[in-house]
Amino acid sequence: MSPETTPPLVKQILTGLRYRYRSLNMVHYEAAWTDSWVHRRCFHDHPTLIDAAKCGMPQPGFYVVAVERGEPRELTADEDKVVDAFRFGRFT
């Protein structure tokens, strides 16, 4: 269903849900790592990549995941560059 063909009532319902559950529409970041072949996450709602990377620093081999609409996703190439620059001290 394209935005042009969406009925007005459905648009109103979706708008109301997005307003009511705003936290699900936002992107936040979490530190993650593997411990004994088990994937772990910090479950903190870090607003920035650097905050998440700081949280993950004590864990060897940490990485950062983005959480969008409640679902974790892989970082984009640009987001990954920011984390790598922080991790390896290459701020340019």
C-alpha atoms as a PDB file:
ATOM      1  CA  MET A   1       0.000   0.000   0.000  1.00  0.00           C
ATOM      2  CA  SER A   2       1.593   3.253  -1.088  1.00  0.00           C
ATOM      3  CA  PRO A   3       1.154   6.518   0.854  1.00  0.00           C
ATOM      4  CA  GLU A   4      -1.073   7.845  -1.935  1.00  0.00           C
ATOM      5  CA  THR A   5      -3.510   4.937  -1.673  1.00  0.00           C
ATOM      6  CA  THR A   6      -3.609   4.687   2.123  1.00  0.00           C
ATOM      7  CA  PRO A   7      -7.128   5.395   3.397  1.00  0.00           C
ATOM      8  CA  PRO A   8      -7.433   8.489   5.634  1.00  0.00           C
ATOM      9  CA  LEU A   9      -8.589   6.436   8.636  1.00  0.00           C
ATOM     10  CA  VAL A  10      -5.516   4.214   8.421  1.00  0.00           C
ATOM     11  CA  LYS A  11      -3.292   7.315   8.245  1.00  0.00           C
ATOM     12  CA  GLN A  12      -4.956   8.702  11.394  1.00  0.00           C
ATOM     13  CA  ILE A  13      -4.499   5.408  13.254  1.00  0.00           C
ATOM     14  CA  LEU A  14      -0.828   5.155  12.272  1.00  0.00           C
ATOM     15  CA  THR A  15      -0.206   8.777  13.259  1.00  0.00           C
ATOM     16  CA  GLY A  16      -1.808   8.152  16.647  1.00  0.00           C
ATOM     17  CA  LEU A  17       0.264   5.025  17.225  1.00  0.00           C
ATOM     18  CA  ARG A  18       3.474   6.808  16.251  1.00  0.00           C
ATOM     19  CA  TYR A  19       2.623   9.626  18.646  1.00  0.00           C
ATOM     20  CA  ARG A  20       1.675   7.307  21.499  1.00  0.00           C
ATOM     21  CA  TYR A  21       4.710   5.049  21.092  1.00  0.00           C
ATOM     22  CA  ARG A  22       7.309   7.655  20.178  1.00  0.00           C
ATOM     23  CA  SER A  23      10.153   5.670  21.719  1.00  0.00           C
ATOM     24  CA  LEU A  24       9.656   2.969  19.096  1.00  0.00           C
ATOM     25  CA  ASN A  25      10.199   5.483  16.282  1.00  0.00           C
ATOM     26  CA  MET A  26      13.543   6.714  17.554  1.00  0.00           C
ATOM     27  CA  VAL A  27      16.965   5.237  16.918  1.00  0.00           C
ATOM     28  CA  HIS A  28      19.249   4.551  19.846  1.00  0.00           C
ATOM     29  CA  TYR A  29      22.484   2.625  20.159  1.00  0.00           C
ATOM     30  CA  GLU A  30      23.608  -0.224  22.398  1.00  0.00           C
ATOM     31  CA  ALA A  31      26.973  -1.789  23.108  1.00  0.00           C
ATOM     32  CA  ALA A  32      27.166  -5.497  22.341  1.00  0.00           C
ATOM     33  CA  TRP A  33      29.700  -8.291  22.654  1.00  0.00           C
ATOM     34  CA  THR A  34      29.997 -12.072  22.605  1.00  0.00           C
ATOM     35  CA  ASP A  35      30.624 -13.939  25.853  1.00  0.00           C
ATOM     36  CA  SER A  36      31.155 -17.720  25.620  1.00  0.00           C
ATOM     37  CA  TRP A  37      29.362 -17.827  22.256  1.00  0.00           C
ATOM     38  CA  VAL A  38      26.387 -15.914  23.674  1.00  0.00           C
ATOM     39  CA  HIS A  39      25.481 -12.515  22.215  1.00  0.00           C
ATOM     40  CA  ARG A  40      25.108  -9.881  24.924  1.00  0.00           C
ATOM     41  CA  ARG A  41      23.835  -6.281  24.824  1.00  0.00           C
ATOM     42  CA  CYS A  42      23.979  -3.539  27.428  1.00  0.00           C
ATOM     43  CA  PHE A  43      20.275  -2.620  26.905  1.00  0.00           C
ATOM     44  CA  HIS A  44      20.998   1.051  27.683  1.00  0.00           C
ATOM     45  CA  ASP A  45      19.314   3.579  25.381  1.00  0.00           C
ATOM     46  CA  HIS A  46      22.436   5.489  24.314  1.00  0.00           C
ATOM     47  CA  PRO A  47      21.531   8.540  22.216  1.00  0.00           C
ATOM     48  CA  THR A  48      24.886   8.612  20.396  1.00  0.00           C
ATOM     49  CA  LEU A  49      27.329   6.129  18.922  1.00  0.00           C
ATOM     50  CA  ILE A  50      30.143   7.431  21.144  1.00  0.00           C
ATOM     51  CA  ASP A  51      28.097   6.891  24.332  1.00  0.00           C
ATOM     52  CA  ALA A  52      27.424   3.300  23.302  1.00  0.00           C
ATOM     53  CA  ALA A  53      31.075   2.764  22.403  1.00  0.00           C
ATOM     54  CA  LYS A  54      32.169   4.112  25.803  1.00  0.00           C
ATOM     55  CA  CYS A  55      29.778   1.667  27.465  1.00  0.00           C
ATOM     56  CA  GLY A  56      31.236  -1.225  25.481  1.00  0.00           C
ATOM     57  CA  MET A  57      34.922  -0.365  25.996  1.00  0.00           C
ATOM     58  CA  PRO A  58      35.375  -2.606  29.082  1.00  0.00           C
ATOM     59  CA  GLN A  59      34.295  -5.633  27.031  1.00  0.00           C
ATOM     60  CA  PRO A  60      36.937  -7.109  24.721  1.00  0.00           C
ATOM     61  CA  GLY A  61      35.725  -7.249  21.132  1.00  0.00           C
ATOM     62  CA  PHE A  62      32.703  -5.045  21.720  1.00  0.00           C
ATOM     63  CA  TYR A  63      30.645  -3.628  18.896  1.00  0.00           C
ATOM     64  CA  VAL A  64      27.731  -1.233  18.628  1.00  0.00           C
ATOM     65  CA  VAL A  65      24.279  -1.959  17.256  1.00  0.00           C
ATOM     66  CA  ALA A  66      21.557   0.496  16.325  1.00  0.00           C
ATOM     67  CA  VAL A  67      18.055  -0.177  17.625  1.00  0.00           C
ATOM     68  CA  GLU A  68      15.347   1.178  15.373  1.00  0.00           C
ATOM     69  CA  ARG A  69      11.635   0.665  16.068  1.00  0.00           C
ATOM     70  CA  GLY A  70      12.579  -1.781  18.808  1.00  0.00           C
ATOM     71  CA  GLU A  71      14.637  -4.028  16.495  1.00  0.00           C
ATOM     72  CA  PRO A  72      18.446  -4.189  16.458  1.00  0.00           C
ATOM     73  CA  ARG A  73      20.139  -3.539  13.143  1.00  0.00           C
ATOM     74  CA  GLU A  74      23.677  -3.456  11.816  1.00  0.00           C
ATOM     75  CA  LEU A  75      25.342  -0.053  11.704  1.00  0.00           C
ATOM     76  CA  THR A  76      25.553   1.753   8.404  1.00  0.00           C
ATOM     77  CA  ALA A  77      29.015   2.287   6.907  1.00  0.00           C
ATOM     78  CA  ASP A  78      29.072   5.900   8.141  1.00  0.00           C
ATOM     79  CA  GLU A  79      28.008   4.896  11.664  1.00  0.00           C
ATOM     80  CA  ASP A  80      30.641   2.156  11.688  1.00  0.00           C
ATOM     81  CA  LYS A  81      33.351   4.684  10.742  1.00  0.00           C
ATOM     82  CA  VAL A  82      32.443   6.810  13.785  1.00  0.00           C
ATOM     83  CA  VAL A  83      32.736   3.826  16.147  1.00  0.00           C
ATOM     84  CA  ASP A  84      36.035   2.715  14.581  1.00  0.00           C
ATOM     85  CA  ALA A  85      37.466   6.234  14.838  1.00  0.00           C
ATOM     86  CA  PHE A  86      36.573   6.312  18.536  1.00  0.00           C
ATOM     87  CA  ARG A  87      37.812   2.793  19.235  1.00  0.00           C
ATOM     88  CA  PHE A  88      41.155   3.232  17.486  1.00  0.00           C
ATOM     89  CA  GLY A  89      41.650   6.925  18.310  1.00  0.00           C
ATOM     90  CA  ARG A  90      41.532   8.173  14.722  1.00  0.00           C
ATOM     91  CA  PHE A  91      39.456  11.309  15.101  1.00  0.00           C
ATOM     92  CA  THR A  92      40.045  13.399  11.983  1.00  0.00           C
END
